């Protein structure tokens, strides 16, 4: 099977990371989680005295999107590296802005890179469809492992317990508090959804998947629609 590039879109809490991880675990995709990678960069103690990265950290902690040129540079370089190594790649929510997706006169966007590295027929786009209220509730109850970064829904069953995969301590992310969640959803509506409309104009098929179902059922529908 030819190597493929999959981009999964959806509002915060729709399960983008979960579905990308399932592709990585079962179909040998490389999951380039731009958000996690950038979170590591802005929280790296070695970058405390880097003014540019500290400005990006303020944006990240406030639930705002990072500077598009910064994100595009990182994402573009990593995508080319993965493709040259012969692997399929999956993105969970990235590219997040029109600039990151399509670039400008001086910068090639990620969609152009995907076409070049994988072929337009192998650049696949998914939209996880879920009610915003359900997505917000998921995020409010989410905890993330401090060791392996696995996300779980935190409820009575999981209170005061450690990560079921590695035993690491569970923590709440700064971007998952209610006030920040509202900002993130607004950012998604204003800056990310227009990308989907532009992709359709450019002839890409947007594969809509019901994300309100259980993760494995969502994954089954995703595989069917992408013919994986």
C-alpha atoms as a PDB file:
ATOM      1  CA  UNK A   1       0.000   0.000   0.000  1.00  0.00           C
ATOM      2  CA  UNK A   2       1.277   3.450  -0.907  1.00  0.00           C
ATOM      3  CA  UNK A   3       2.260   5.672   1.986  1.00  0.00           C
ATOM      4  CA  UNK A   4      -0.470   8.110   2.978  1.00  0.00           C
ATOM      5  CA  UNK A   5      -0.944  11.376   4.831  1.00  0.00           C
ATOM      6  CA  UNK A   6      -4.068  11.753   6.970  1.00  0.00           C
ATOM      7  CA  UNK A   7      -5.205  15.006   8.580  1.00  0.00           C
ATOM      8  CA  UNK A   8      -7.877  14.690  11.286  1.00  0.00           C
ATOM      9  CA  UNK A   9      -9.913  17.786  12.115  1.00  0.00           C
ATOM     10  CA  UNK A  10     -12.522  18.373  14.795  1.00  0.00           C
ATOM     11  CA  UNK A  11     -13.219  20.638  17.791  1.00  0.00           C
ATOM     12  CA  UNK A  12     -11.347  20.231  21.088  1.00  0.00           C
ATOM     13  CA  UNK A  13     -12.552  17.026  22.749  1.00  0.00           C
ATOM     14  CA  UNK A  14     -13.642  15.296  19.537  1.00  0.00           C
ATOM     15  CA  UNK A  15     -10.996  12.577  19.871  1.00  0.00           C
ATOM     16  CA  UNK A  16      -8.491  13.626  17.205  1.00  0.00           C
ATOM     17  CA  UNK A  17      -5.502  12.398  19.179  1.00  0.00           C
ATOM     18  CA  UNK A  18      -7.164   9.087  20.038  1.00  0.00           C
ATOM     19  CA  UNK A  19      -7.973   8.341  16.398  1.00  0.00           C
ATOM     20  CA  UNK A  20      -4.499   9.358  15.265  1.00  0.00           C
ATOM     21  CA  UNK A  21      -2.970   7.069  17.893  1.00  0.00           C
ATOM     22  CA  UNK A  22      -5.122   4.175  16.683  1.00  0.00           C
ATOM     23  CA  UNK A  23      -3.846   4.711  13.141  1.00  0.00           C
ATOM     24  CA  UNK A  24      -0.308   4.732  14.483  1.00  0.00           C
ATOM     25  CA  UNK A  25      -0.790   1.583  16.569  1.00  0.00           C
ATOM     26  CA  UNK A  26      -2.697  -0.496  14.017  1.00  0.00           C
ATOM     27  CA  UNK A  27      -1.605   0.844  10.621  1.00  0.00           C
ATOM     28  CA  UNK A  28       1.990   1.896  11.318  1.00  0.00           C
ATOM     29  CA  UNK A  29       1.404   5.596  10.731  1.00  0.00           C
ATOM     30  CA  UNK A  30       3.682   8.128  12.375  1.00  0.00           C
ATOM     31  CA  UNK A  31       1.477  10.309  14.569  1.00  0.00           C
ATOM     32  CA  UNK A  32       2.939  13.785  14.478  1.00  0.00           C
ATOM     33  CA  UNK A  33       1.002  15.464  17.253  1.00  0.00           C
ATOM     34  CA  UNK A  34       1.852  19.095  16.632  1.00  0.00           C
ATOM     35  CA  UNK A  35       0.176  20.192  19.859  1.00  0.00           C
ATOM     36  CA  UNK A  36       2.143  17.800  22.064  1.00  0.00           C
ATOM     37  CA  UNK A  37       5.384  18.582  20.265  1.00  0.00           C
ATOM     38  CA  UNK A  38       4.886  22.323  20.700  1.00  0.00           C
ATOM     39  CA  UNK A  39       3.813  21.806  24.332  1.00  0.00           C
ATOM     40  CA  UNK A  40       7.134  20.075  24.958  1.00  0.00           C
ATOM     41  CA  UNK A  41       9.014  22.913  23.267  1.00  0.00           C
ATOM     42  CA  UNK A  42       7.342  25.743  25.208  1.00  0.00           C
ATOM     43  CA  UNK A  43       7.641  23.893  28.545  1.00  0.00           C
ATOM     44  CA  UNK A  44      11.229  22.739  28.048  1.00  0.00           C
ATOM     45  CA  UNK A  45      13.334  24.210  30.914  1.00  0.00           C
ATOM     46  CA  UNK A  46      16.130  24.796  28.423  1.00  0.00           C
ATOM     47  CA  UNK A  47      13.909  27.347  26.676  1.00  0.00           C
ATOM     48  CA  UNK A  48      13.109  29.457  29.740  1.00  0.00           C
ATOM     49  CA  UNK A  49      15.438  32.226  28.616  1.00  0.00           C
ATOM     50  CA  UNK A  50      14.360  32.162  24.977  1.00  0.00           C
ATOM     51  CA  UNK A  51      12.146  35.276  24.529  1.00  0.00           C
ATOM     52  CA  UNK A  52      10.465  34.016  21.360  1.00  0.00           C
ATOM     53  CA  UNK A  53       9.518  30.657  22.861  1.00  0.00           C
ATOM     54  CA  UNK A  54       8.328  32.301  26.077  1.00  0.00           C
ATOM     55  CA  UNK A  55       5.948  34.441  24.029  1.00  0.00           C
ATOM     56  CA  UNK A  56       4.671  31.253  22.386  1.00  0.00           C
ATOM     57  CA  UNK A  57       4.233  29.709  25.849  1.00  0.00           C
ATOM     58  CA  UNK A  58       1.964  32.592  26.904  1.00  0.00           C
ATOM     59  CA  UNK A  59      -0.222  31.927  23.874  1.00  0.00           C
ATOM     60  CA  UNK A  60      -0.268  28.175  24.560  1.00  0.00           C
ATOM     61  CA  UNK A  61      -1.192  28.517  28.241  1.00  0.00           C
ATOM     62  CA  UNK A  62      -3.977  30.921  27.290  1.00  0.00           C
ATOM     63  CA  UNK A  63      -5.518  28.448  24.870  1.00  0.00           C
ATOM     64  CA  UNK A  64      -4.619  30.552  21.844  1.00  0.00           C
ATOM     65  CA  UNK A  65      -3.045  29.247  18.657  1.00  0.00           C
ATOM     66  CA  UNK A  66       0.708  29.705  18.398  1.00  0.00           C
ATOM     67  CA  UNK A  67       2.300  31.947  15.790  1.00  0.00           C
ATOM     68  CA  UNK A  68       1.503  30.337  12.404  1.00  0.00           C
ATOM     69  CA  UNK A  69       4.974  30.890  10.901  1.00  0.00           C
ATOM     70  CA  UNK A  70       6.589  29.146  13.883  1.00  0.00           C
ATOM     71  CA  UNK A  71       4.204  26.195  13.679  1.00  0.00           C
ATOM     72  CA  UNK A  72       4.457  25.879   9.891  1.00  0.00           C
ATOM     73  CA  UNK A  73       8.246  25.736   9.930  1.00  0.00           C
ATOM     74  CA  UNK A  74       8.297  22.940  12.514  1.00  0.00           C
ATOM     75  CA  UNK A  75       5.503  20.948  10.864  1.00  0.00           C
ATOM     76  CA  UNK A  76       6.877  21.236   7.352  1.00  0.00           C
ATOM     77  CA  UNK A  77      10.338  20.023   8.363  1.00  0.00           C
ATOM     78  CA  UNK A  78       8.983  17.047  10.327  1.00  0.00           C
ATOM     79  CA  UNK A  79       6.631  16.025   7.509  1.00  0.00           C
ATOM     80  CA  UNK A  80       9.428  15.900   4.964  1.00  0.00           C
ATOM     81  CA  UNK A  81      11.585  13.868   7.370  1.00  0.00           C
ATOM     82  CA  UNK A  82       8.819  11.291   7.889  1.00  0.00           C
ATOM     83  CA  UNK A  83       8.089  11.011   4.170  1.00  0.00           C
ATOM     84  CA  UNK A  84      11.747  10.565   3.250  1.00  0.00           C
ATOM     85  CA  UNK A  85      11.936   7.760   5.804  1.00  0.00           C
ATOM     86  CA  UNK A  86       9.128   5.993   3.911  1.00  0.00           C
ATOM     87  CA  UNK A  87       6.370   6.263   6.526  1.00  0.00           C
ATOM     88  CA  UNK A  88       2.738   7.285   6.373  1.00  0.00           C
ATOM     89  CA  UNK A  89       1.872  10.221   8.633  1.00  0.00           C
ATOM     90  CA  UNK A  90      -1.210  11.352  10.543  1.00  0.00           C
ATOM     91  CA  UNK A  91      -1.881  14.794  12.017  1.00  0.00           C
ATOM     92  CA  UNK A  92      -4.392  15.462  14.795  1.00  0.00           C
ATOM     93  CA  UNK A  93      -5.750  18.955  14.234  1.00  0.00           C
ATOM     94  CA  UNK A  94      -2.845  20.434  12.308  1.00  0.00           C
ATOM     95  CA  UNK A  95      -2.547  22.568  10.180  1.00  0.00           C
ATOM     96  CA  UNK A  96      -4.761  24.853  12.258  1.00  0.00           C
ATOM     97  CA  UNK A  97      -4.762  28.065  10.198  1.00  0.00           C
ATOM     98  CA  UNK A  98      -5.156  29.024   6.547  1.00  0.00           C
ATOM     99  CA  UNK A  99      -1.522  30.129   6.520  1.00  0.00           C
ATOM    100  CA  UNK A 100      -0.256  26.844   7.952  1.00  0.00           C
ATOM    101  CA  UNK A 101      -2.370  24.894   5.481  1.00  0.00           C
ATOM    102  CA  UNK A 102      -1.841  26.897   2.304  1.00  0.00           C
ATOM    103  CA  UNK A 103       1.072  29.250   2.999  1.00  0.00           C
ATOM    104  CA  UNK A 104       1.615  32.496   1.119  1.00  0.00           C
ATOM    105  CA  UNK A 105       3.853  33.907  -1.615  1.00  0.00           C
ATOM    106  CA  UNK A 106       6.979  33.241   0.456  1.00  0.00           C
ATOM    107  CA  UNK A 107       6.031  30.129   2.424  1.00  0.00           C
ATOM    108  CA  UNK A 108       4.809  26.781   1.156  1.00  0.00           C
ATOM    109  CA  UNK A 109       1.864  25.498   3.150  1.00  0.00           C
ATOM    110  CA  UNK A 110       1.584  22.007   4.589  1.00  0.00           C
ATOM    111  CA  UNK A 111      -1.058  20.897   2.058  1.00  0.00           C
ATOM    112  CA  UNK A 112       1.408  21.625  -0.744  1.00  0.00           C
ATOM    113  CA  UNK A 113       4.056  19.578   1.065  1.00  0.00           C
ATOM    114  CA  UNK A 114       1.643  16.659   1.496  1.00  0.00           C
ATOM    115  CA  UNK A 115       0.821  16.720  -2.220  1.00  0.00           C
ATOM    116  CA  UNK A 116       4.504  16.778  -3.100  1.00  0.00           C
ATOM    117  CA  UNK A 117       5.617  14.083  -0.661  1.00  0.00           C
ATOM    118  CA  UNK A 118       2.612  11.722  -0.778  1.00  0.00           C
ATOM    119  CA  UNK A 119       0.607  12.619  -3.894  1.00  0.00           C
ATOM    120  CA  UNK A 120      -2.752  14.408  -3.843  1.00  0.00           C
ATOM    121  CA  UNK A 121      -4.632  11.100  -4.095  1.00  0.00           C
ATOM    122  CA  UNK A 122      -2.949   9.952  -0.875  1.00  0.00           C
ATOM    123  CA  UNK A 123      -3.587  13.155   1.104  1.00  0.00           C
ATOM    124  CA  UNK A 124      -6.724  12.282   3.103  1.00  0.00           C
ATOM    125  CA  UNK A 125      -8.807  14.583   5.299  1.00  0.00           C
ATOM    126  CA  UNK A 126     -11.178  13.619   8.133  1.00  0.00           C
ATOM    127  CA  UNK A 127     -13.660  15.817  10.010  1.00  0.00           C
ATOM    128  CA  UNK A 128     -14.787  14.450  13.386  1.00  0.00           C
ATOM    129  CA  UNK A 129     -18.366  15.619  13.891  1.00  0.00           C
ATOM    130  CA  UNK A 130     -19.506  16.159  17.483  1.00  0.00           C
ATOM    131  CA  UNK A 131     -21.801  18.495  19.422  1.00  0.00           C
ATOM    132  CA  UNK A 132     -19.745  21.281  21.093  1.00  0.00           C
ATOM    133  CA  UNK A 133     -21.404  20.612  24.456  1.00  0.00           C
ATOM    134  CA  UNK A 134     -20.293  16.978  24.406  1.00  0.00           C
ATOM    135  CA  UNK A 135     -16.781  18.019  23.404  1.00  0.00           C
ATOM    136  CA  UNK A 136     -16.540  20.520  26.269  1.00  0.00           C
ATOM    137  CA  UNK A 137     -17.687  17.912  28.799  1.00  0.00           C
ATOM    138  CA  UNK A 138     -15.050  15.485  27.541  1.00  0.00           C
ATOM    139  CA  UNK A 139     -12.297  18.060  27.938  1.00  0.00           C
ATOM    140  CA  UNK A 140     -13.402  19.060  31.448  1.00  0.00           C
ATOM    141  CA  UNK A 141     -13.103  15.422  32.521  1.00  0.00           C
ATOM    142  CA  UNK A 142      -9.837  14.710  30.737  1.00  0.00           C
ATOM    143  CA  UNK A 143      -6.599  13.860  32.515  1.00  0.00           C
ATOM    144  CA  UNK A 144      -3.252  13.286  30.833  1.00  0.00           C
ATOM    145  CA  UNK A 145      -0.459  10.972  31.951  1.00  0.00           C
ATOM    146  CA  UNK A 146       2.630  12.920  32.993  1.00  0.00           C
ATOM    147  CA  UNK A 147       4.858  10.145  31.620  1.00  0.00           C
ATOM    148  CA  UNK A 148       3.407   8.759  28.360  1.00  0.00           C
ATOM    149  CA  UNK A 149       0.920  11.603  27.629  1.00  0.00           C
ATOM    150  CA  UNK A 150      -2.024   9.206  27.253  1.00  0.00           C
ATOM    151  CA  UNK A 151      -5.357  11.016  27.698  1.00  0.00           C
ATOM    152  CA  UNK A 152      -8.186   9.386  29.665  1.00  0.00           C
ATOM    153  CA  UNK A 153     -11.629  10.495  30.813  1.00  0.00           C
ATOM    154  CA  UNK A 154     -11.391  11.152  34.554  1.00  0.00           C
ATOM    155  CA  UNK A 155     -14.473   9.992  36.457  1.00  0.00           C
ATOM    156  CA  UNK A 156     -15.362   8.269  39.729  1.00  0.00           C
ATOM    157  CA  UNK A 157     -13.737   5.075  38.489  1.00  0.00           C
ATOM    158  CA  UNK A 158     -10.408   6.767  37.782  1.00  0.00           C
ATOM    159  CA  UNK A 159     -10.196   9.181  40.713  1.00  0.00           C
ATOM    160  CA  UNK A 160      -6.853   9.091  42.523  1.00  0.00           C
ATOM    161  CA  UNK A 161      -5.516   6.442  40.144  1.00  0.00           C
ATOM    162  CA  UNK A 162      -2.511   6.400  37.893  1.00  0.00           C
ATOM    163  CA  UNK A 163      -2.215   5.893  34.151  1.00  0.00           C
ATOM    164  CA  UNK A 164      -3.578   2.460  33.134  1.00  0.00           C
ATOM    165  CA  UNK A 165      -0.797   2.056  30.556  1.00  0.00           C
ATOM    166  CA  UNK A 166       2.399   3.045  32.362  1.00  0.00           C
ATOM    167  CA  UNK A 167       1.465   3.933  35.943  1.00  0.00           C
ATOM    168  CA  UNK A 168       2.402   7.595  35.556  1.00  0.00           C
ATOM    169  CA  UNK A 169       0.714  10.374  37.512  1.00  0.00           C
ATOM    170  CA  UNK A 170      -2.419  11.828  35.915  1.00  0.00           C
ATOM    171  CA  UNK A 171      -2.597  15.604  35.564  1.00  0.00           C
ATOM    172  CA  UNK A 172      -4.907  18.301  34.253  1.00  0.00           C
ATOM    173  CA  UNK A 173      -3.688  20.366  31.316  1.00  0.00           C
ATOM    174  CA  UNK A 174      -3.850  24.150  31.566  1.00  0.00           C
ATOM    175  CA  UNK A 175      -5.720  24.247  28.250  1.00  0.00           C
ATOM    176  CA  UNK A 176      -8.542  22.032  29.565  1.00  0.00           C
ATOM    177  CA  UNK A 177     -10.092  24.428  32.076  1.00  0.00           C
ATOM    178  CA  UNK A 178     -13.564  25.763  31.097  1.00  0.00           C
ATOM    179  CA  UNK A 179     -12.473  29.340  30.335  1.00  0.00           C
ATOM    180  CA  UNK A 180      -9.650  28.219  28.081  1.00  0.00           C
ATOM    181  CA  UNK A 181     -11.907  25.630  26.439  1.00  0.00           C
ATOM    182  CA  UNK A 182     -14.269  28.360  25.283  1.00  0.00           C
ATOM    183  CA  UNK A 183     -11.331  30.203  23.740  1.00  0.00           C
ATOM    184  CA  UNK A 184     -10.099  27.059  22.005  1.00  0.00           C
ATOM    185  CA  UNK A 185     -13.505  26.303  20.499  1.00  0.00           C
ATOM    186  CA  UNK A 186     -13.836  29.896  19.303  1.00  0.00           C
ATOM    187  CA  UNK A 187     -10.380  29.648  17.716  1.00  0.00           C
ATOM    188  CA  UNK A 188     -11.433  26.425  15.995  1.00  0.00           C
ATOM    189  CA  UNK A 189     -14.602  27.991  14.606  1.00  0.00           C
ATOM    190  CA  UNK A 190     -12.842  31.117  13.369  1.00  0.00           C
ATOM    191  CA  UNK A 191      -9.502  29.817  12.139  1.00  0.00           C
ATOM    192  CA  UNK A 192      -9.693  26.089  11.462  1.00  0.00           C
ATOM    193  CA  UNK A 193     -13.137  25.480   9.967  1.00  0.00           C
ATOM    194  CA  UNK A 194     -12.398  27.774   6.983  1.00  0.00           C
ATOM    195  CA  UNK A 195      -9.572  25.392   6.053  1.00  0.00           C
ATOM    196  CA  UNK A 196     -12.086  22.596   5.525  1.00  0.00           C
ATOM    197  CA  UNK A 197     -14.136  24.807   3.204  1.00  0.00           C
ATOM    198  CA  UNK A 198     -11.034  25.756   1.212  1.00  0.00           C
ATOM    199  CA  UNK A 199      -9.942  22.123   0.912  1.00  0.00           C
ATOM    200  CA  UNK A 200     -13.319  21.258  -0.588  1.00  0.00           C
ATOM    201  CA  UNK A 201     -12.945  24.113  -3.074  1.00  0.00           C
ATOM    202  CA  UNK A 202      -9.577  22.682  -4.095  1.00  0.00           C
ATOM    203  CA  UNK A 203     -11.066  19.285  -4.813  1.00  0.00           C
ATOM    204  CA  UNK A 204     -10.190  17.359  -1.661  1.00  0.00           C
ATOM    205  CA  UNK A 205     -12.813  15.061  -0.200  1.00  0.00           C
ATOM    206  CA  UNK A 206     -13.689  15.752   3.437  1.00  0.00           C
ATOM    207  CA  UNK A 207     -14.562  12.468   5.150  1.00  0.00           C
ATOM    208  CA  UNK A 208     -17.045  13.251   7.933  1.00  0.00           C
ATOM    209  CA  UNK A 209     -17.123  10.786  10.824  1.00  0.00           C
ATOM    210  CA  UNK A 210     -19.535  10.711  13.783  1.00  0.00           C
ATOM    211  CA  UNK A 211     -17.272  11.301  16.787  1.00  0.00           C
ATOM    212  CA  UNK A 212     -19.972  10.918  19.452  1.00  0.00           C
ATOM    213  CA  UNK A 213     -19.671   7.119  19.324  1.00  0.00           C
ATOM    214  CA  UNK A 214     -17.190   4.999  21.279  1.00  0.00           C
ATOM    215  CA  UNK A 215     -13.584   5.473  20.096  1.00  0.00           C
ATOM    216  CA  UNK A 216     -13.307   2.025  18.501  1.00  0.00           C
ATOM    217  CA  UNK A 217     -16.566   2.510  16.590  1.00  0.00           C
ATOM    218  CA  UNK A 218     -15.355   5.910  15.419  1.00  0.00           C
ATOM    219  CA  UNK A 219     -12.135   4.275  14.260  1.00  0.00           C
ATOM    220  CA  UNK A 220     -14.012   1.573  12.354  1.00  0.00           C
ATOM    221  CA  UNK A 221     -15.968   4.236  10.450  1.00  0.00           C
ATOM    222  CA  UNK A 222     -12.803   6.238   9.817  1.00  0.00           C
ATOM    223  CA  UNK A 223     -10.993   3.225   8.341  1.00  0.00           C
ATOM    224  CA  UNK A 224     -13.959   2.393   6.149  1.00  0.00           C
ATOM    225  CA  UNK A 225     -14.221   5.900   4.746  1.00  0.00           C
ATOM    226  CA  UNK A 226     -10.485   6.138   4.094  1.00  0.00           C
ATOM    227  CA  UNK A 227     -10.339   2.570   2.743  1.00  0.00           C
ATOM    228  CA  UNK A 228      -7.510   1.626   5.098  1.00  0.00           C
END
